[in-house]
Amino acid sequence: MKIHLEKNLEEERQILLQQQKICRNRARKYFVESNRRKKAFEDKRKEQEEREHQIREKILQQRKQKFEEVTEKFQRAHIPFSQRRRAVFPKPVPPLEEALKQIQESDLKSEVNLPFSHRPTINWR
């Protein structure tokens, strides 16, 4: 009888171990699936936030442009009649560093195209 009880205990132990393995595998599958869903949700949320940000930026840019147009229109409408024909809106002036850079680049290009005999001599003393 003792042998029979020990055999039953061993069988129950084996069944419990198998059930434990099954439960662990099921828990691991749920964990992986929930992580996958969580990552998909986060990616979707980030994409939505990015789209909203782009829409906000676009709206702000449109508002800024409309404001500039209305301001310019208002200023043109309030120029005295005697100055209306002479009023010319100048192009925006580039920053000094940029203008200097462009001049230096054009000087370098013109010197490169000159033959050696026509290049200015430089006294290095």
C-alpha atoms as a PDB file:
ATOM      1  CA  MET A   1       0.000   0.000   0.000  1.00  0.00           C
ATOM      2  CA  LYS A   2       2.887   2.292   0.824  1.00  0.00           C
ATOM      3  CA  ILE A   3       4.355   1.711  -2.613  1.00  0.00           C
ATOM      4  CA  HIS A   4       0.985   2.460  -4.173  1.00  0.00           C
ATOM      5  CA  LEU A   5       0.709   5.777  -2.280  1.00  0.00           C
ATOM      6  CA  GLU A   6       4.240   6.769  -3.257  1.00  0.00           C
ATOM      7  CA  LYS A   7       3.445   5.976  -6.873  1.00  0.00           C
ATOM      8  CA  ASN A   8       0.299   8.142  -6.717  1.00  0.00           C
ATOM      9  CA  LEU A   9       2.285  10.969  -5.115  1.00  0.00           C
ATOM     10  CA  GLU A  10       4.902  10.767  -7.836  1.00  0.00           C
ATOM     11  CA  GLU A  11       2.226  10.820 -10.526  1.00  0.00           C
ATOM     12  CA  GLU A  12       0.546  13.830  -8.917  1.00  0.00           C
ATOM     13  CA  ARG A  13       3.924  15.560  -8.663  1.00  0.00           C
ATOM     14  CA  GLN A  14       4.559  14.950 -12.375  1.00  0.00           C
ATOM     15  CA  ILE A  15       1.079  16.232 -13.272  1.00  0.00           C
ATOM     16  CA  LEU A  16       1.633  19.370 -11.172  1.00  0.00           C
ATOM     17  CA  LEU A  17       5.012  19.975 -12.835  1.00  0.00           C
ATOM     18  CA  GLN A  18       3.431  19.649 -16.278  1.00  0.00           C
ATOM     19  CA  GLN A  19       0.615  22.009 -15.315  1.00  0.00           C
ATOM     20  CA  GLN A  20       3.196  24.447 -13.958  1.00  0.00           C
ATOM     21  CA  LYS A  21       5.084  24.346 -17.259  1.00  0.00           C
ATOM     22  CA  ILE A  22       1.868  24.908 -19.193  1.00  0.00           C
ATOM     23  CA  CYS A  23       0.966  27.877 -16.954  1.00  0.00           C
ATOM     24  CA  ARG A  24       4.455  29.380 -17.339  1.00  0.00           C
ATOM     25  CA  ASN A  25       4.287  29.028 -21.132  1.00  0.00           C
ATOM     26  CA  ARG A  26       0.822  30.588 -21.198  1.00  0.00           C
ATOM     27  CA  ALA A  27       2.013  33.459 -18.966  1.00  0.00           C
ATOM     28  CA  ARG A  28       5.050  33.997 -21.229  1.00  0.00           C
ATOM     29  CA  LYS A  29       2.779  34.114 -24.315  1.00  0.00           C
ATOM     30  CA  TYR A  30       0.487  36.656 -22.625  1.00  0.00           C
ATOM     31  CA  PHE A  31       3.495  38.719 -21.578  1.00  0.00           C
ATOM     32  CA  VAL A  32       4.915  38.758 -25.126  1.00  0.00           C
ATOM     33  CA  GLU A  33       1.512  39.564 -26.620  1.00  0.00           C
ATOM     34  CA  SER A  34       0.835  42.390 -24.156  1.00  0.00           C
ATOM     35  CA  ASN A  35       4.298  43.861 -24.834  1.00  0.00           C
ATOM     36  CA  ARG A  36       3.642  43.687 -28.581  1.00  0.00           C
ATOM     37  CA  ARG A  37       0.298  45.449 -28.143  1.00  0.00           C
ATOM     38  CA  LYS A  38       1.812  48.039 -25.841  1.00  0.00           C
ATOM     39  CA  LYS A  39       4.566  48.792 -28.363  1.00  0.00           C
ATOM     40  CA  ALA A  40       2.040  49.017 -31.219  1.00  0.00           C
ATOM     41  CA  PHE A  41      -0.102  51.386 -29.135  1.00  0.00           C
ATOM     42  CA  GLU A  42       2.915  53.584 -28.313  1.00  0.00           C
ATOM     43  CA  ASP A  43       3.982  53.701 -31.973  1.00  0.00           C
ATOM     44  CA  LYS A  44       0.461  54.635 -33.036  1.00  0.00           C
ATOM     45  CA  ARG A  45       0.298  57.340 -30.344  1.00  0.00           C
ATOM     46  CA  LYS A  46       3.659  58.789 -31.431  1.00  0.00           C
ATOM     47  CA  GLU A  47       2.544  58.874 -35.076  1.00  0.00           C
ATOM     48  CA  GLN A  48      -0.680  60.626 -34.062  1.00  0.00           C
ATOM     49  CA  GLU A  49       1.257  63.195 -32.010  1.00  0.00           C
ATOM     50  CA  GLU A  50       3.614  63.795 -34.945  1.00  0.00           C
ATOM     51  CA  ARG A  51       0.683  64.333 -37.323  1.00  0.00           C
ATOM     52  CA  GLU A  52      -0.944  66.740 -34.858  1.00  0.00           C
ATOM     53  CA  HIS A  53       2.358  68.606 -34.486  1.00  0.00           C
ATOM     54  CA  GLN A  54       2.707  68.932 -38.260  1.00  0.00           C
ATOM     55  CA  ILE A  55      -0.872  70.162 -38.564  1.00  0.00           C
ATOM     56  CA  ARG A  56      -0.270  72.731 -35.800  1.00  0.00           C
ATOM     57  CA  GLU A  57       2.931  73.920 -37.488  1.00  0.00           C
ATOM     58  CA  LYS A  58       1.160  74.218 -40.827  1.00  0.00           C
ATOM     59  CA  ILE A  59      -1.692  76.228 -39.283  1.00  0.00           C
ATOM     60  CA  LEU A  60       0.766  78.524 -37.490  1.00  0.00           C
ATOM     61  CA  GLN A  61       2.701  79.046 -40.738  1.00  0.00           C
ATOM     62  CA  GLN A  62      -0.514  79.873 -42.596  1.00  0.00           C
ATOM     63  CA  ARG A  63      -1.534  82.333 -39.870  1.00  0.00           C
ATOM     64  CA  LYS A  64       1.884  83.975 -39.969  1.00  0.00           C
ATOM     65  CA  GLN A  65       1.780  84.305 -43.754  1.00  0.00           C
ATOM     66  CA  LYS A  66      -1.769  85.698 -43.686  1.00  0.00           C
ATOM     67  CA  PHE A  67      -0.764  88.183 -40.970  1.00  0.00           C
ATOM     68  CA  GLU A  68       2.195  89.349 -43.083  1.00  0.00           C
ATOM     69  CA  GLU A  69      -0.016  89.719 -46.167  1.00  0.00           C
ATOM     70  CA  VAL A  70      -2.656  91.696 -44.258  1.00  0.00           C
ATOM     71  CA  THR A  71       0.013  93.923 -42.690  1.00  0.00           C
ATOM     72  CA  GLU A  72       1.601  94.577 -46.080  1.00  0.00           C
ATOM     73  CA  LYS A  73      -1.805  95.312 -47.613  1.00  0.00           C
ATOM     74  CA  PHE A  74      -2.638  97.707 -44.770  1.00  0.00           C
ATOM     75  CA  GLN A  75       0.706  99.491 -45.117  1.00  0.00           C
ATOM     76  CA  ARG A  76       0.255  99.832 -48.885  1.00  0.00           C
ATOM     77  CA  ALA A  77      -3.248 101.212 -48.381  1.00  0.00           C
ATOM     78  CA  HIS A  78      -1.997 103.870 -45.951  1.00  0.00           C
ATOM     79  CA  ILE A  79       0.901 105.238 -47.995  1.00  0.00           C
ATOM     80  CA  PRO A  80       0.276 108.897 -48.842  1.00  0.00           C
ATOM     81  CA  PHE A  81      -0.928 109.388 -52.414  1.00  0.00           C
ATOM     82  CA  SER A  82       2.185 111.368 -53.393  1.00  0.00           C
ATOM     83  CA  GLN A  83       4.453 108.451 -52.442  1.00  0.00           C
ATOM     84  CA  ARG A  84       2.411 105.602 -53.918  1.00  0.00           C
ATOM     85  CA  ARG A  85       4.149 105.586 -57.307  1.00  0.00           C
ATOM     86  CA  ARG A  86       7.644 105.722 -55.815  1.00  0.00           C
ATOM     87  CA  ALA A  87       7.051 103.084 -53.154  1.00  0.00           C
ATOM     88  CA  VAL A  88       9.057  99.997 -53.963  1.00  0.00           C
ATOM     89  CA  PHE A  89       9.445  97.294 -51.384  1.00  0.00           C
ATOM     90  CA  PRO A  90      13.152  96.355 -51.403  1.00  0.00           C
ATOM     91  CA  LYS A  91      14.388  92.800 -51.310  1.00  0.00           C
ATOM     92  CA  PRO A  92      15.509  91.703 -47.868  1.00  0.00           C
ATOM     93  CA  VAL A  93      19.189  92.532 -47.333  1.00  0.00           C
ATOM     94  CA  PRO A  94      21.345  89.464 -46.611  1.00  0.00           C
ATOM     95  CA  PRO A  95      23.369  89.493 -43.386  1.00  0.00           C
ATOM     96  CA  LEU A  96      26.817  91.100 -43.630  1.00  0.00           C
ATOM     97  CA  GLU A  97      28.687  87.825 -43.105  1.00  0.00           C
ATOM     98  CA  GLU A  98      26.796  86.184 -45.950  1.00  0.00           C
ATOM     99  CA  ALA A  99      27.408  89.129 -48.299  1.00  0.00           C
ATOM    100  CA  LEU A 100      31.133  89.138 -47.454  1.00  0.00           C
ATOM    101  CA  LYS A 101      31.313  85.403 -48.080  1.00  0.00           C
ATOM    102  CA  GLN A 102      29.658  85.790 -51.499  1.00  0.00           C
ATOM    103  CA  ILE A 103      32.069  88.586 -52.465  1.00  0.00           C
ATOM    104  CA  GLN A 104      35.088  86.547 -51.374  1.00  0.00           C
ATOM    105  CA  GLU A 105      33.865  83.502 -53.306  1.00  0.00           C
ATOM    106  CA  SER A 106      33.344  85.559 -56.453  1.00  0.00           C
ATOM    107  CA  ASP A 107      36.856  87.065 -56.096  1.00  0.00           C
ATOM    108  CA  LEU A 108      38.374  83.596 -55.730  1.00  0.00           C
ATOM    109  CA  LYS A 109      36.526  82.327 -58.793  1.00  0.00           C
ATOM    110  CA  SER A 110      37.632  85.288 -60.891  1.00  0.00           C
ATOM    111  CA  GLU A 111      41.296  84.843 -59.826  1.00  0.00           C
ATOM    112  CA  VAL A 112      41.200  81.134 -60.660  1.00  0.00           C
ATOM    113  CA  ASN A 113      40.061  81.920 -64.202  1.00  0.00           C
ATOM    114  CA  LEU A 114      42.894  84.425 -64.814  1.00  0.00           C
ATOM    115  CA  PRO A 115      46.149  83.192 -66.377  1.00  0.00           C
ATOM    116  CA  PHE A 116      49.314  83.496 -64.250  1.00  0.00           C
ATOM    117  CA  SER A 117      50.611  86.446 -66.233  1.00  0.00           C
ATOM    118  CA  HIS A 118      47.498  88.542 -65.449  1.00  0.00           C
ATOM    119  CA  ARG A 119      47.228  87.715 -61.755  1.00  0.00           C
ATOM    120  CA  PRO A 120      48.287  90.454 -59.347  1.00  0.00           C
ATOM    121  CA  THR A 121      51.660  89.945 -57.725  1.00  0.00           C
ATOM    122  CA  ILE A 122      51.695  89.930 -53.959  1.00  0.00           C
ATOM    123  CA  ASN A 123      54.656  91.203 -51.996  1.00  0.00           C
ATOM    124  CA  TRP A 124      54.875  88.852 -49.005  1.00  0.00           C
ATOM    125  CA  ARG A 125      57.488  90.868 -47.095  1.00  0.00           C
END
